Amino acid sequence: MSKPGGALDKIESTEQIVNRIYTTAFRLTGKRRNAETVAIKAINAAINKKETLTLQSALSGLCISFLNNPGPVPLKDFEAKRSNSYHREVNAEQIQQALLCLESIERLVIVLREMWQLSYWEIASLTGLDKDKVAEVLAQGRLRLRNYFFPQVTGEGLDNCGMGE
């Protein structure tokens, strides 16, 4: 699935795989217990499919496990939790909170793209979405994150400076 030298080929040891899968699961769920459950399911699924655990198989298991049971998404709190003031600095906790307010598929695609630096093709292979749908979901998620942190910024501003064309 990944090209030689890609993000999925850089991690080799079982410990690195488990740590990376757990970290990803935590970004997706926001809770340690949920992250443990998702990571264990992902690793077990990978082991059951292959004789050896690989990062690619574990990440594939993580996507399947998360999409089958993403847990509650506090969408109703999305507007209430953001600040209406402009922030020049955004910390990791604020980013995590904003991620948790996204739809599960948006959250997954953003984490795979931004955290793992995977290509649209790699994300499509892991999630079962086609490449165009990956681009659409990624754009929707990014727009929602932008609106979460910078609610006063509108698309009209981009159009007015020639960047929205």
Foldseek 3Di string as FASTA:
>chain_A
DDDVVALQNPDDDPVSLLVVQLVLLCLQQVDNVRSVVLQVQLQVQLVVVDVDHGSLSSLLSSLVSCVVDVDDQVQVCLQVPADADADPDDDPVNVSNNLSNDDSVLSNLCCCCPVSVDDLPSVCVSNVNDSVVSVVSPVVSVVSSCCRNHVPDDPVVCVVVPNND
